[in-house]
C-alpha atoms as a PDB file:
ATOM      1  CA  MET A   1     -19.718  12.334  -3.077  1.00  0.00           C
ATOM      2  CA  ALA A   2     -18.557   8.382  -2.030  1.00  0.00           C
ATOM      3  CA  ASN A   3     -19.169   7.236  -4.743  1.00  0.00           C
ATOM      4  CA  LEU A   4     -16.172   9.643  -5.618  1.00  0.00           C
ATOM      5  CA  ASN A   5     -13.928   8.709  -2.654  1.00  0.00           C
ATOM      6  CA  SER A   6     -14.561   4.509  -3.773  1.00  0.00           C
ATOM      7  CA  ASP A   7     -13.529   5.442  -7.495  1.00  0.00           C
ATOM      8  CA  ARG A   8     -10.007   7.112  -6.219  1.00  0.00           C
ATOM      9  CA  ASN A   9      -9.858   4.308  -3.614  1.00  0.00           C
ATOM     10  CA  ARG A  10     -10.111   1.590  -5.731  1.00  0.00           C
ATOM     11  CA  GLY A  11      -7.408   3.668  -8.410  1.00  0.00           C
ATOM     12  CA  ILE A  12      -5.339   4.337  -5.089  1.00  0.00           C
ATOM     13  CA  TRP A  13      -5.102   0.106  -4.844  1.00  0.00           C
ATOM     14  CA  LEU A  14      -4.982  -0.404  -8.516  1.00  0.00           C
ATOM     15  CA  PHE A  15      -1.904   1.050  -8.308  1.00  0.00           C
ATOM     16  CA  PHE A  16       0.043   0.178  -5.837  1.00  0.00           C
ATOM     17  CA  SER A  17      -0.707  -3.525  -6.404  1.00  0.00           C
ATOM     18  CA  ILE A  18       0.810  -3.049  -9.724  1.00  0.00           C
ATOM     19  CA  LEU A  19       3.624  -1.114  -8.650  1.00  0.00           C
ATOM     20  CA  PHE A  20       4.497  -3.393  -6.024  1.00  0.00           C
ATOM     21  CA  GLY A  21       3.691  -6.499  -8.260  1.00  0.00           C
ATOM     22  CA  THR A  22       6.541  -4.557 -10.504  1.00  0.00           C
ATOM     23  CA  LEU A  23       8.981  -4.528  -7.936  1.00  0.00           C
ATOM     24  CA  PHE A  24       9.248  -7.841  -7.241  1.00  0.00           C
ATOM     25  CA  THR A  25       9.385  -9.089 -11.171  1.00  0.00           C
ATOM     26  CA  PHE A  26      12.708 -11.084 -12.728  1.00  0.00           C
ATOM     27  CA  PRO A  27      14.271  -8.073 -13.856  1.00  0.00           C
ATOM     28  CA  LEU A  28      14.363  -5.937 -10.873  1.00  0.00           C
ATOM     29  CA  LEU A  29      15.349  -8.655  -8.891  1.00  0.00           C
ATOM     30  CA  GLN A  30      17.818  -9.510 -11.397  1.00  0.00           C
ATOM     31  CA  VAL A  31      19.214  -6.089 -11.110  1.00  0.00           C
ATOM     32  CA  PHE A  32      19.860  -6.849  -7.159  1.00  0.00           C
ATOM     33  CA  ASN A  33      21.103  -9.908  -7.249  1.00  0.00           C
ATOM     34  CA  ARG A  34      24.650  -9.632  -6.664  1.00  0.00           C
ATOM     35  CA  THR A  35      27.462 -10.764  -4.536  1.00  0.00           C
ATOM     36  CA  THR A  36      27.607  -7.224  -2.609  1.00  0.00           C
ATOM     37  CA  LEU A  37      26.879  -7.518   1.089  1.00  0.00           C
ATOM     38  CA  ILE A  38      25.099  -4.611   2.829  1.00  0.00           C
ATOM     39  CA  PHE A  39      25.773  -4.765   6.952  1.00  0.00           C
ATOM     40  CA  GLY A  40      26.496  -8.344   6.236  1.00  0.00           C
ATOM     41  CA  ILE A  41      23.311  -8.945   4.479  1.00  0.00           C
ATOM     42  CA  PRO A  42      23.318  -9.778   0.491  1.00  0.00           C
ATOM     43  CA  LEU A  43      21.829  -6.912  -1.668  1.00  0.00           C
ATOM     44  CA  LEU A  44      18.490  -9.245  -2.540  1.00  0.00           C
ATOM     45  CA  VAL A  45      18.151 -10.505   0.608  1.00  0.00           C
ATOM     46  CA  LEU A  46      17.803  -6.785   1.768  1.00  0.00           C
ATOM     47  CA  TYR A  47      15.926  -5.668  -1.451  1.00  0.00           C
ATOM     48  CA  LEU A  48      13.300  -8.420  -0.808  1.00  0.00           C
ATOM     49  CA  LEU A  49      13.070  -7.565   3.394  1.00  0.00           C
ATOM     50  CA  LEU A  50      12.786  -3.236   2.143  1.00  0.00           C
ATOM     51  CA  GLY A  51      10.431  -3.603  -0.323  1.00  0.00           C
ATOM     52  CA  TRP A  52       8.141  -5.634   2.027  1.00  0.00           C
ATOM     53  CA  LEU A  53       8.227  -3.656   4.675  1.00  0.00           C
ATOM     54  CA  LEU A  54       7.067  -0.631   2.642  1.00  0.00           C
ATOM     55  CA  PHE A  55       4.364  -2.496   1.152  1.00  0.00           C
ATOM     56  CA  ILE A  56       3.237  -3.258   4.514  1.00  0.00           C
ATOM     57  CA  GLY A  57       3.827   0.826   5.763  1.00  0.00           C
ATOM     58  CA  VAL A  58       1.609   1.411   2.520  1.00  0.00           C
ATOM     59  CA  ILE A  59      -1.119  -0.938   2.909  1.00  0.00           C
ATOM     60  CA  TYR A  60      -1.069   0.128   7.049  1.00  0.00           C
ATOM     61  CA  ARG A  61      -1.156   3.975   6.142  1.00  0.00           C
ATOM     62  CA  PHE A  62      -3.752   3.838   3.078  1.00  0.00           C
ATOM     63  CA  THR A  63      -5.985   1.551   5.912  1.00  0.00           C
ATOM     64  CA  ARG A  64      -5.801   4.045   8.329  1.00  0.00           C
ATOM     65  CA  ARG A  65      -6.862   6.786   6.256  1.00  0.00           C
ATOM     66  CA  LEU A  66      -9.710   4.704   4.757  1.00  0.00           C
ATOM     67  CA  SER A  67     -10.497   4.019   8.564  1.00  0.00           C
ATOM     68  CA  ASN A  68     -10.667   7.428  10.025  1.00  0.00           C
ATOM     69  CA  CYS A  69     -12.725   8.851   6.672  1.00  0.00           C
ATOM     70  CA  ALA A  70     -15.302   6.123   7.590  1.00  0.00           C
ATOM     71  CA  PRO A  71     -17.390   7.390  10.199  1.00  0.00           C
ATOM     72  CA  THR A  72     -17.455  10.781   8.044  1.00  0.00           C
ATOM     73  CA  GLN A  73     -18.497   9.605   4.982  1.00  0.00           C
ATOM     74  CA  ALA A  74     -21.223   7.316   6.485  1.00  0.00           C
ATOM     75  CA  ALA A  75     -22.772  10.753   8.439  1.00  0.00           C
ATOM     76  CA  GLU A  76     -22.947  12.290   5.313  1.00  0.00           C
ATOM     77  CA  GLN A  77     -24.793  10.074   3.648  1.00  0.00           C
ATOM     78  CA  ASP A  78     -27.430   9.263   6.499  1.00  0.00           C
ATOM     79  CA  PRO A  79     -27.687  12.387   8.603  1.00  0.00           C
ATOM     80  CA  GLY A  80     -30.026  10.764  10.995  1.00  0.00           C
ATOM     81  CA  ARG A  81     -28.654   8.020  11.437  1.00  0.00           C
ATOM     82  CA  ASP A  82     -28.033   7.771  14.917  1.00  0.00           C
ATOM     83  CA  ARG A  83     -24.372   7.117  16.491  1.00  0.00           C
ATOM     84  CA  PRO A  84     -23.385   4.420  19.116  1.00  0.00           C
END
């Protein structure tokens, strides 16, 4: 059971790594490289900042979910183990 979750987690990490890697490649950066200002911020800078914040938010939520699931998985693997 824990091995399935581990494989699933690796798949999720791989998916988000590829997704955010492609968001910061040249073709997509070129799409946002315009002279347009939004709230006085160039569009490219806004795209980079929002993408970066989104990336941090996804990592935060995913690691929080993993840390919440970790004690449950450990208890399932070794039910006789004492908890602190």
